[in-house]
Amino acid sequence: MVLESQDEYDSQWAAICSIAPKIGCTPETLRVWVRQHERDTGGGDGGLTSAERQRLKELERENRELRRSNDILRRLRLFAKAEFDASGKNDATAGKAA
């Protein structure tokens, strides 16, 4: 609505200020929606589109899960190494005593 009628106003902000009360929101809220629409349709300020923002959230979640898995595997490896070293020392000590 803003983009279609902004030519009737002196500026996009003037169009936003005129249209916002008609649709029941503040001008700032409408401005944010207009900017996001511009990003989503390839225009705007170079920010992330809604799809890119969603994909970023998915990748960040996946990254957290992978870091957690790596941490678990690292701890398991250290635990197994400590157990192996401890059992190896016990076997070696037992073998010498016999």
PDB file of N, CA and C in Angstrom:
ATOM      1  N   MET A   1       0.821  -1.189   0.000  1.00  0.00           N
ATOM      2  CA  MET A   1       0.000   0.000   0.000  1.00  0.00           C
ATOM      3  C   MET A   1       0.870   1.260   0.000  1.00  0.00           C
ATOM      4  N   VAL A   2       1.905   1.242   0.845  1.00  0.00           N
ATOM      5  CA  VAL A   2       2.804   2.396   0.915  1.00  0.00           C
ATOM      6  C   VAL A   2       3.545   2.557  -0.400  1.00  0.00           C
ATOM      7  N   LEU A   3       4.092   1.453  -0.896  1.00  0.00           N
ATOM      8  CA  LEU A   3       4.892   1.536  -2.118  1.00  0.00           C
ATOM      9  C   LEU A   3       4.051   1.961  -3.317  1.00  0.00           C
ATOM     10  N   GLU A   4       2.800   1.513  -3.350  1.00  0.00           N
ATOM     11  CA  GLU A   4       1.934   1.870  -4.469  1.00  0.00           C
ATOM     12  C   GLU A   4       1.511   3.334  -4.433  1.00  0.00           C
ATOM     13  N   SER A   5       1.392   3.900  -3.237  1.00  0.00           N
ATOM     14  CA  SER A   5       0.866   5.263  -3.137  1.00  0.00           C
ATOM     15  C   SER A   5       1.904   6.305  -2.733  1.00  0.00           C
ATOM     16  N   GLN A   6       3.170   5.923  -2.624  1.00  0.00           N
ATOM     17  CA  GLN A   6       4.161   6.895  -2.165  1.00  0.00           C
ATOM     18  C   GLN A   6       4.389   8.027  -3.167  1.00  0.00           C
ATOM     19  N   ASP A   7       4.063   7.819  -4.435  1.00  0.00           N
ATOM     20  CA  ASP A   7       4.210   8.892  -5.425  1.00  0.00           C
ATOM     21  C   ASP A   7       3.232  10.038  -5.173  1.00  0.00           C
ATOM     22  N   GLU A   8       2.182   9.753  -4.433  1.00  0.00           N
ATOM     23  CA  GLU A   8       1.190  10.782  -4.115  1.00  0.00           C
ATOM     24  C   GLU A   8       1.640  11.680  -2.960  1.00  0.00           C
ATOM     25  N   TYR A   9       2.754  11.340  -2.334  1.00  0.00           N
ATOM     26  CA  TYR A   9       3.251  12.086  -1.174  1.00  0.00           C
ATOM     27  C   TYR A   9       4.632  12.651  -1.470  1.00  0.00           C
ATOM     28  N   ASP A  10       5.064  13.588  -0.624  1.00  0.00           N
ATOM     29  CA  ASP A  10       6.376  14.213  -0.807  1.00  0.00           C
ATOM     30  C   ASP A  10       7.519  13.238  -0.540  1.00  0.00           C
ATOM     31  N   SER A  11       7.287  12.280   0.340  1.00  0.00           N
ATOM     32  CA  SER A  11       8.327  11.306   0.679  1.00  0.00           C
ATOM     33  C   SER A  11       7.668   9.997   1.102  1.00  0.00           C
ATOM     34  N   GLN A  12       8.473   8.974   1.183  1.00  0.00           N
ATOM     35  CA  GLN A  12       7.951   7.693   1.641  1.00  0.00           C
ATOM     36  C   GLN A  12       7.488   7.810   3.093  1.00  0.00           C
ATOM     37  N   TRP A  13       8.223   8.572   3.900  1.00  0.00           N
ATOM     38  CA  TRP A  13       7.844   8.760   5.299  1.00  0.00           C
ATOM     39  C   TRP A  13       6.474   9.443   5.408  1.00  0.00           C
ATOM     40  N   ALA A  14       6.225  10.412   4.554  1.00  0.00           N
ATOM     41  CA  ALA A  14       4.919  11.083   4.559  1.00  0.00           C
ATOM     42  C   ALA A  14       3.813  10.085   4.217  1.00  0.00           C
ATOM     43  N   ALA A  15       4.074   9.215   3.260  1.00  0.00           N
ATOM     44  CA  ALA A  15       3.096   8.180   2.904  1.00  0.00           C
ATOM     45  C   ALA A  15       2.872   7.243   4.084  1.00  0.00           C
ATOM     46  N   ILE A  16       3.952   6.853   4.741  1.00  0.00           N
ATOM     47  CA  ILE A  16       3.854   5.962   5.900  1.00  0.00           C
ATOM     48  C   ILE A  16       3.036   6.614   7.009  1.00  0.00           C
ATOM     49  N   CYS A  17       3.328   7.888   7.296  1.00  0.00           N
ATOM     50  CA  CYS A  17       2.606   8.603   8.360  1.00  0.00           C
ATOM     51  C   CYS A  17       1.120   8.743   8.041  1.00  0.00           C
ATOM     52  N   SER A  18       0.788   8.856   6.779  1.00  0.00           N
ATOM     53  CA  SER A  18      -0.608   8.982   6.382  1.00  0.00           C
ATOM     54  C   SER A  18      -1.335   7.640   6.439  1.00  0.00           C
ATOM     55  N   ILE A  19      -0.661   6.581   6.040  1.00  0.00           N
ATOM     56  CA  ILE A  19      -1.297   5.269   5.920  1.00  0.00           C
ATOM     57  C   ILE A  19      -1.361   4.526   7.254  1.00  0.00           C
ATOM     58  N   ALA A  20      -0.365   4.695   8.108  1.00  0.00           N
ATOM     59  CA  ALA A  20      -0.286   3.933   9.363  1.00  0.00           C
ATOM     60  C   ALA A  20      -1.561   3.994  10.196  1.00  0.00           C
ATOM     61  N   PRO A  21      -2.110   5.180  10.476  1.00  0.00           N
ATOM     62  CA  PRO A  21      -3.328   5.194  11.298  1.00  0.00           C
ATOM     63  C   PRO A  21      -4.524   4.523  10.615  1.00  0.00           C
ATOM     64  N   LYS A  22      -4.512   4.514   9.300  1.00  0.00           N
ATOM     65  CA  LYS A  22      -5.622   3.902   8.566  1.00  0.00           C
ATOM     66  C   LYS A  22      -5.640   2.381   8.724  1.00  0.00           C
ATOM     67  N   ILE A  23      -4.463   1.804   8.956  1.00  0.00           N
ATOM     68  CA  ILE A  23      -4.407   0.348   9.128  1.00  0.00           C
ATOM     69  C   ILE A  23      -4.197  -0.042  10.592  1.00  0.00           C
ATOM     70  N   GLY A  24      -4.190   0.955  11.470  1.00  0.00           N
ATOM     71  CA  GLY A  24      -4.158   0.679  12.901  1.00  0.00           C
ATOM     72  C   GLY A  24      -2.805   0.347  13.487  1.00  0.00           C
ATOM     73  N   CYS A  25      -1.761   1.001  12.992  1.00  0.00           N
ATOM     74  CA  CYS A  25      -0.439   0.788  13.575  1.00  0.00           C
ATOM     75  C   CYS A  25       0.293   2.121  13.644  1.00  0.00           C
ATOM     76  N   THR A  26       1.453   2.110  14.271  1.00  0.00           N
ATOM     77  CA  THR A  26       2.242   3.336  14.350  1.00  0.00           C
ATOM     78  C   THR A  26       3.050   3.493  13.066  1.00  0.00           C
ATOM     79  N   PRO A  27       3.454   4.712  12.750  1.00  0.00           N
ATOM     80  CA  PRO A  27       4.293   4.905  11.563  1.00  0.00           C
ATOM     81  C   PRO A  27       5.595   4.103  11.626  1.00  0.00           C
ATOM     82  N   GLU A  28       6.179   4.000  12.812  1.00  0.00           N
ATOM     83  CA  GLU A  28       7.434   3.252  12.933  1.00  0.00           C
ATOM     84  C   GLU A  28       7.227   1.773  12.623  1.00  0.00           C
ATOM     85  N   THR A  29       6.146   1.208  13.099  1.00  0.00           N
ATOM     86  CA  THR A  29       5.846  -0.198  12.800  1.00  0.00           C
ATOM     87  C   THR A  29       5.672  -0.399  11.303  1.00  0.00           C
ATOM     88  N   LEU A  30       4.937   0.477  10.674  1.00  0.00           N
ATOM     89  CA  LEU A  30       4.730   0.372   9.233  1.00  0.00           C
ATOM     90  C   LEU A  30       6.044   0.558   8.482  1.00  0.00           C
ATOM     91  N   ARG A  31       6.892   1.471   8.947  1.00  0.00           N
ATOM     92  CA  ARG A  31       8.194   1.684   8.309  1.00  0.00           C
ATOM     93  C   ARG A  31       9.029   0.401   8.351  1.00  0.00           C
ATOM     94  N   VAL A  32       9.028  -0.273   9.507  1.00  0.00           N
ATOM     95  CA  VAL A  32       9.773  -1.529   9.643  1.00  0.00           C
ATOM     96  C   VAL A  32       9.233  -2.572   8.667  1.00  0.00           C
ATOM     97  N   TRP A  33       7.906  -2.656   8.550  1.00  0.00           N
ATOM     98  CA  TRP A  33       7.302  -3.610   7.619  1.00  0.00           C
ATOM     99  C   TRP A  33       7.678  -3.293   6.174  1.00  0.00           C
ATOM    100  N   VAL A  34       7.668  -2.007   5.836  1.00  0.00           N
ATOM    101  CA  VAL A  34       8.027  -1.591   4.470  1.00  0.00           C
ATOM    102  C   VAL A  34       9.478  -1.963   4.185  1.00  0.00           C
ATOM    103  N   ARG A  35      10.384  -1.685   5.138  1.00  0.00           N
ATOM    104  CA  ARG A  35      11.802  -2.013   4.937  1.00  0.00           C
ATOM    105  C   ARG A  35      11.987  -3.522   4.762  1.00  0.00           C
ATOM    106  N   GLN A  36      11.290  -4.307   5.580  1.00  0.00           N
ATOM    107  CA  GLN A  36      11.414  -5.759   5.464  1.00  0.00           C
ATOM    108  C   GLN A  36      10.872  -6.238   4.121  1.00  0.00           C
ATOM    109  N   HIS A  37       9.778  -5.666   3.672  1.00  0.00           N
ATOM    110  CA  HIS A  37       9.232  -6.030   2.360  1.00  0.00           C
ATOM    111  C   HIS A  37      10.235  -5.688   1.255  1.00  0.00           C
ATOM    112  N   GLU A  38      10.870  -4.536   1.364  1.00  0.00           N
ATOM    113  CA  GLU A  38      11.866  -4.149   0.364  1.00  0.00           C
ATOM    114  C   GLU A  38      13.025  -5.148   0.351  1.00  0.00           C
ATOM    115  N   ARG A  39      13.481  -5.567   1.527  1.00  0.00           N
ATOM    116  CA  ARG A  39      14.559  -6.559   1.588  1.00  0.00           C
ATOM    117  C   ARG A  39      14.111  -7.879   0.969  1.00  0.00           C
ATOM    118  N   ASP A  40      12.896  -8.300   1.323  1.00  0.00           N
ATOM    119  CA  ASP A  40      12.387  -9.587   0.840  1.00  0.00           C
ATOM    120  C   ASP A  40      12.209  -9.614  -0.674  1.00  0.00           C
ATOM    121  N   THR A  41      11.998  -8.458  -1.274  1.00  0.00           N
ATOM    122  CA  THR A  41      11.785  -8.404  -2.720  1.00  0.00           C
ATOM    123  C   THR A  41      13.024  -7.931  -3.471  1.00  0.00           C
ATOM    124  N   GLY A  42      14.166  -7.926  -2.791  1.00  0.00           N
ATOM    125  CA  GLY A  42      15.419  -7.617  -3.463  1.00  0.00           C
ATOM    126  C   GLY A  42      15.833  -6.168  -3.448  1.00  0.00           C
ATOM    127  N   GLY A  43      15.108  -5.320  -2.809  1.00  0.00           N
ATOM    128  CA  GLY A  43      15.501  -3.911  -2.717  1.00  0.00           C
ATOM    129  C   GLY A  43      15.979  -3.616  -1.315  1.00  0.00           C
ATOM    130  N   GLY A  44      15.887  -2.392  -0.937  1.00  0.00           N
ATOM    131  CA  GLY A  44      16.173  -2.019   0.438  1.00  0.00           C
ATOM    132  C   GLY A  44      17.632  -1.785   0.738  1.00  0.00           C
ATOM    133  N   ASP A  45      17.962  -1.920   2.020  1.00  0.00           N
ATOM    134  CA  ASP A  45      19.268  -1.513   2.523  1.00  0.00           C
ATOM    135  C   ASP A  45      20.300  -2.630   2.568  1.00  0.00           C
ATOM    136  N   GLY A  46      20.025  -3.753   1.946  1.00  0.00           N
ATOM    137  CA  GLY A  46      21.001  -4.833   1.939  1.00  0.00           C
ATOM    138  C   GLY A  46      20.941  -5.711   3.175  1.00  0.00           C
ATOM    139  N   GLY A  47      19.921  -5.546   4.011  1.00  0.00           N
ATOM    140  CA  GLY A  47      19.756  -6.404   5.180  1.00  0.00           C
ATOM    141  C   GLY A  47      19.293  -7.792   4.758  1.00  0.00           C
ATOM    142  N   LEU A  48      19.120  -8.654   5.727  1.00  0.00           N
ATOM    143  CA  LEU A  48      18.698 -10.020   5.445  1.00  0.00           C
ATOM    144  C   LEU A  48      17.217 -10.083   5.096  1.00  0.00           C
ATOM    145  N   THR A  49      16.909 -10.924   4.124  1.00  0.00           N
ATOM    146  CA  THR A  49      15.506 -11.176   3.826  1.00  0.00           C
ATOM    147  C   THR A  49      14.948 -12.072   4.929  1.00  0.00           C
ATOM    148  N   SER A  50      13.647 -12.216   4.973  1.00  0.00           N
ATOM    149  CA  SER A  50      13.029 -13.090   5.978  1.00  0.00           C
ATOM    150  C   SER A  50      13.522 -14.524   5.813  1.00  0.00           C
ATOM    151  N   ALA A  51      13.639 -14.976   4.580  1.00  0.00           N
ATOM    152  CA  ALA A  51      14.121 -16.337   4.319  1.00  0.00           C
ATOM    153  C   ALA A  51      15.569 -16.491   4.775  1.00  0.00           C
ATOM    154  N   GLU A  52      16.401 -15.490   4.503  1.00  0.00           N
ATOM    155  CA  GLU A  52      17.798 -15.543   4.935  1.00  0.00           C
ATOM    156  C   GLU A  52      17.900 -15.519   6.456  1.00  0.00           C
ATOM    157  N   ARG A  53      17.076 -14.714   7.085  1.00  0.00           N
ATOM    158  CA  ARG A  53      17.071 -14.640   8.550  1.00  0.00           C
ATOM    159  C   ARG A  53      16.676 -15.992   9.144  1.00  0.00           C
ATOM    160  N   GLN A  54      15.658 -16.641   8.553  1.00  0.00           N
ATOM    161  CA  GLN A  54      15.227 -17.958   9.030  1.00  0.00           C
ATOM    162  C   GLN A  54      16.339 -18.981   8.835  1.00  0.00           C
ATOM    163  N   ARG A  55      16.986 -18.959   7.681  1.00  0.00           N
ATOM    164  CA  ARG A  55      18.077 -19.905   7.402  1.00  0.00           C
ATOM    165  C   ARG A  55      19.239 -19.674   8.363  1.00  0.00           C
ATOM    166  N   LEU A  56      19.534 -18.422   8.658  1.00  0.00           N
ATOM    167  CA  LEU A  56      20.600 -18.105   9.607  1.00  0.00           C
ATOM    168  C   LEU A  56      20.279 -18.693  10.979  1.00  0.00           C
ATOM    169  N   LYS A  57      19.036 -18.559  11.419  1.00  0.00           N
ATOM    170  CA  LYS A  57      18.636 -19.125  12.708  1.00  0.00           C
ATOM    171  C   LYS A  57      18.802 -20.644  12.705  1.00  0.00           C
ATOM    172  N   GLU A  58      18.420 -21.285  11.593  1.00  0.00           N
ATOM    173  CA  GLU A  58      18.559 -22.738  11.489  1.00  0.00           C
ATOM    174  C   GLU A  58      20.027 -23.147  11.542  1.00  0.00           C
ATOM    175  N   LEU A  59      20.880 -22.418  10.827  1.00  0.00           N
ATOM    176  CA  LEU A  59      22.307 -22.731  10.821  1.00  0.00           C
ATOM    177  C   LEU A  59      22.939 -22.503  12.187  1.00  0.00           C
ATOM    178  N   GLU A  60      22.533 -21.449  12.877  1.00  0.00           N
ATOM    179  CA  GLU A  60      23.061 -21.196  14.220  1.00  0.00           C
ATOM    180  C   GLU A  60      22.640 -22.310  15.175  1.00  0.00           C
ATOM    181  N   ARG A  61      21.402 -22.779  15.063  1.00  0.00           N
ATOM    182  CA  ARG A  61      20.924 -23.883  15.902  1.00  0.00           C
ATOM    183  C   ARG A  61      21.729 -25.148  15.603  1.00  0.00           C
ATOM    184  N   GLU A  62      21.922 -25.441  14.319  1.00  0.00           N
ATOM    185  CA  GLU A  62      22.692 -26.617  13.928  1.00  0.00           C
ATOM    186  C   GLU A  62      24.122 -26.511  14.438  1.00  0.00           C
ATOM    187  N   ASN A  63      24.701 -25.322  14.348  1.00  0.00           N
ATOM    188  CA  ASN A  63      26.062 -25.103  14.822  1.00  0.00           C
ATOM    189  C   ASN A  63      26.163 -25.382  16.323  1.00  0.00           C
ATOM    190  N   ARG A  64      25.179 -24.893  17.106  1.00  0.00           N
ATOM    191  CA  ARG A  64      25.172 -25.156  18.556  1.00  0.00           C
ATOM    192  C   ARG A  64      25.114 -26.658  18.833  1.00  0.00           C
ATOM    193  N   GLU A  65      24.257 -27.369  18.099  1.00  0.00           N
ATOM    194  CA  GLU A  65      24.124 -28.813  18.295  1.00  0.00           C
ATOM    195  C   GLU A  65      25.424 -29.539  17.952  1.00  0.00           C
ATOM    196  N   LEU A  66      26.072 -29.128  16.876  1.00  0.00           N
ATOM    197  CA  LEU A  66      27.335 -29.759  16.490  1.00  0.00           C
ATOM    198  C   LEU A  66      28.434 -29.474  17.508  1.00  0.00           C
ATOM    199  N   ARG A  67      28.486 -28.250  18.021  1.00  0.00           N
ATOM    200  CA  ARG A  67      29.475 -27.928  19.060  1.00  0.00           C
ATOM    201  C   ARG A  67      29.233 -28.777  20.308  1.00  0.00           C
ATOM    202  N   ARG A  68      27.963 -28.923  20.681  1.00  0.00           N
ATOM    203  CA  ARG A  68      27.622 -29.738  21.850  1.00  0.00           C
ATOM    204  C   ARG A  68      28.035 -31.192  21.612  1.00  0.00           C
ATOM    205  N   SER A  69      27.758 -31.725  20.427  1.00  0.00           N
ATOM    206  CA  SER A  69      28.144 -33.099  20.102  1.00  0.00           C
ATOM    207  C   SER A  69      29.651 -33.263  20.138  1.00  0.00           C
ATOM    208  N   ASN A  70      30.367 -32.309  19.570  1.00  0.00           N
ATOM    209  CA  ASN A  70      31.829 -32.375  19.594  1.00  0.00           C
ATOM    210  C   ASN A  70      32.362 -32.334  21.014  1.00  0.00           C
ATOM    211  N   ASP A  71      31.756 -31.522  21.858  1.00  0.00           N
ATOM    212  CA  ASP A  71      32.188 -31.436  23.252  1.00  0.00           C
ATOM    213  C   ASP A  71      31.958 -32.765  23.962  1.00  0.00           C
ATOM    214  N   ILE A  72      30.811 -33.386  23.721  1.00  0.00           N
ATOM    215  CA  ILE A  72      30.518 -34.689  24.325  1.00  0.00           C
ATOM    216  C   ILE A  72      31.526 -35.727  23.852  1.00  0.00           C
ATOM    217  N   LEU A  73      31.806 -35.755  22.563  1.00  0.00           N
ATOM    218  CA  LEU A  73      32.774 -36.713  22.022  1.00  0.00           C
ATOM    219  C   LEU A  73      34.174 -36.468  22.574  1.00  0.00           C
ATOM    220  N   ARG A  74      34.554 -35.212  22.717  1.00  0.00           N
ATOM    221  CA  ARG A  74      35.870 -34.873  23.264  1.00  0.00           C
ATOM    222  C   ARG A  74      35.979 -35.367  24.714  1.00  0.00           C
ATOM    223  N   ARG A  75      34.933 -35.126  25.502  1.00  0.00           N
ATOM    224  CA  ARG A  75      34.938 -35.577  26.904  1.00  0.00           C
ATOM    225  C   ARG A  75      34.955 -37.104  26.986  1.00  0.00           C
ATOM    226  N   LEU A  76      34.201 -37.750  26.115  1.00  0.00           N
ATOM    227  CA  LEU A  76      34.176 -39.205  26.098  1.00  0.00           C
ATOM    228  C   LEU A  76      35.550 -39.765  25.748  1.00  0.00           C
ATOM    229  N   ARG A  77      36.203 -39.150  24.764  1.00  0.00           N
ATOM    230  CA  ARG A  77      37.538 -39.596  24.374  1.00  0.00           C
ATOM    231  C   ARG A  77      38.515 -39.457  25.539  1.00  0.00           C
ATOM    232  N   LEU A  78      38.463 -38.319  26.242  1.00  0.00           N
ATOM    233  CA  LEU A  78      39.353 -38.109  27.385  1.00  0.00           C
ATOM    234  C   LEU A  78      39.053 -39.101  28.505  1.00  0.00           C
ATOM    235  N   PHE A  79      37.770 -39.351  28.739  1.00  0.00           N
ATOM    236  CA  PHE A  79      37.380 -40.312  29.767  1.00  0.00           C
ATOM    237  C   PHE A  79      37.882 -41.712  29.403  1.00  0.00           C
ATOM    238  N   ALA A  80      37.671 -42.122  28.150  1.00  0.00           N
ATOM    239  CA  ALA A  80      38.100 -43.446  27.702  1.00  0.00           C
ATOM    240  C   ALA A  80      39.616 -43.573  27.781  1.00  0.00           C
ATOM    241  N   LYS A  81      40.327 -42.521  27.418  1.00  0.00           N
ATOM    242  CA  LYS A  81      41.789 -42.543  27.487  1.00  0.00           C
ATOM    243  C   LYS A  81      42.241 -42.694  28.934  1.00  0.00           C
ATOM    244  N   ALA A  82      41.611 -41.955  29.835  1.00  0.00           N
ATOM    245  CA  ALA A  82      41.968 -42.048  31.254  1.00  0.00           C
ATOM    246  C   ALA A  82      41.670 -43.449  31.784  1.00  0.00           C
ATOM    247  N   GLU A  83      40.547 -44.021  31.406  1.00  0.00           N
ATOM    248  CA  GLU A  83      40.202 -45.381  31.833  1.00  0.00           C
ATOM    249  C   GLU A  83      41.201 -46.390  31.270  1.00  0.00           C
ATOM    250  N   PHE A  84      41.551 -46.232  30.003  1.00  0.00           N
ATOM    251  CA  PHE A  84      42.502 -47.145  29.371  1.00  0.00           C
ATOM    252  C   PHE A  84      43.863 -47.043  30.046  1.00  0.00           C
ATOM    253  N   ASP A  85      44.318 -45.807  30.282  1.00  0.00           N
ATOM    254  CA  ASP A  85      45.608 -45.607  30.941  1.00  0.00           C
ATOM    255  C   ASP A  85      45.596 -46.212  32.341  1.00  0.00           C
ATOM    256  N   ALA A  86      44.506 -46.010  33.061  1.00  0.00           N
ATOM    257  CA  ALA A  86      44.411 -46.537  34.425  1.00  0.00           C
ATOM    258  C   ALA A  86      44.391 -48.065  34.412  1.00  0.00           C
ATOM    259  N   SER A  87      43.651 -48.665  33.503  1.00  0.00           N
ATOM    260  CA  SER A  87      43.596 -50.126  33.452  1.00  0.00           C
ATOM    261  C   SER A  87      44.909 -50.692  32.935  1.00  0.00           C
ATOM    262  N   GLY A  88      45.554 -50.001  32.042  1.00  0.00           N
ATOM    263  CA  GLY A  88      46.852 -50.447  31.535  1.00  0.00           C
ATOM    264  C   GLY A  88      47.910 -50.424  32.616  1.00  0.00           C
ATOM    265  N   LYS A  89      47.909 -49.415  33.454  1.00  0.00           N
ATOM    266  CA  LYS A  89      48.869 -49.322  34.556  1.00  0.00           C
ATOM    267  C   LYS A  89      48.601 -50.416  35.571  1.00  0.00           C
ATOM    268  N   ASN A  90      47.331 -50.707  35.840  1.00  0.00           N
ATOM    269  CA  ASN A  90      46.992 -51.759  36.790  1.00  0.00           C
ATOM    270  C   ASN A  90      47.454 -53.111  36.268  1.00  0.00           C
ATOM    271  N   ASP A  91      47.263 -53.375  34.961  1.00  0.00           N
ATOM    272  CA  ASP A  91      47.684 -54.644  34.378  1.00  0.00           C
ATOM    273  C   ASP A  91      49.197 -54.770  34.413  1.00  0.00           C
ATOM    274  N   ALA A  92      49.883 -53.688  34.102  1.00  0.00           N
ATOM    275  CA  ALA A  92      51.344 -53.720  34.099  1.00  0.00           C
ATOM    276  C   ALA A  92      51.869 -53.933  35.506  1.00  0.00           C
ATOM    277  N   THR A  93      51.260 -53.292  36.469  1.00  0.00           N
ATOM    278  CA  THR A  93      51.678 -53.436  37.859  1.00  0.00           C
ATOM    279  C   THR A  93      51.395 -54.853  38.334  1.00  0.00           C
ATOM    280  N   ALA A  94      50.239 -55.382  37.967  1.00  0.00           N
ATOM    281  CA  ALA A  94      49.874 -56.741  38.373  1.00  0.00           C
ATOM    282  C   ALA A  94      50.813 -57.755  37.744  1.00  0.00           C
ATOM    283  N   GLY A  95      51.208 -57.534  36.509  1.00  0.00           N
ATOM    284  CA  GLY A  95      52.108 -58.449  35.821  1.00  0.00           C
ATOM    285  C   GLY A  95      53.491 -58.473  36.450  1.00  0.00           C
ATOM    286  N   LYS A  96      53.969 -57.355  36.939  1.00  0.00           N
ATOM    287  CA  LYS A  96      55.289 -57.281  37.560  1.00  0.00           C
ATOM    288  C   LYS A  96      55.290 -57.980  38.912  1.00  0.00           C
ATOM    289  N   ALA A  97      54.170 -57.887  39.611  1.00  0.00           N
ATOM    290  CA  ALA A  97      54.103 -58.477  40.948  1.00  0.00           C
ATOM    291  C   ALA A  97      54.035 -59.993  40.858  1.00  0.00           C
ATOM    292  N   ALA A  98      53.521 -60.511  39.778  1.00  0.00           N
ATOM    293  CA  ALA A  98      53.355 -61.960  39.669  1.00  0.00           C
ATOM    294  C   ALA A  98      54.583 -62.637  39.274  1.00  0.00           C
TER     295      ALA A  98
END
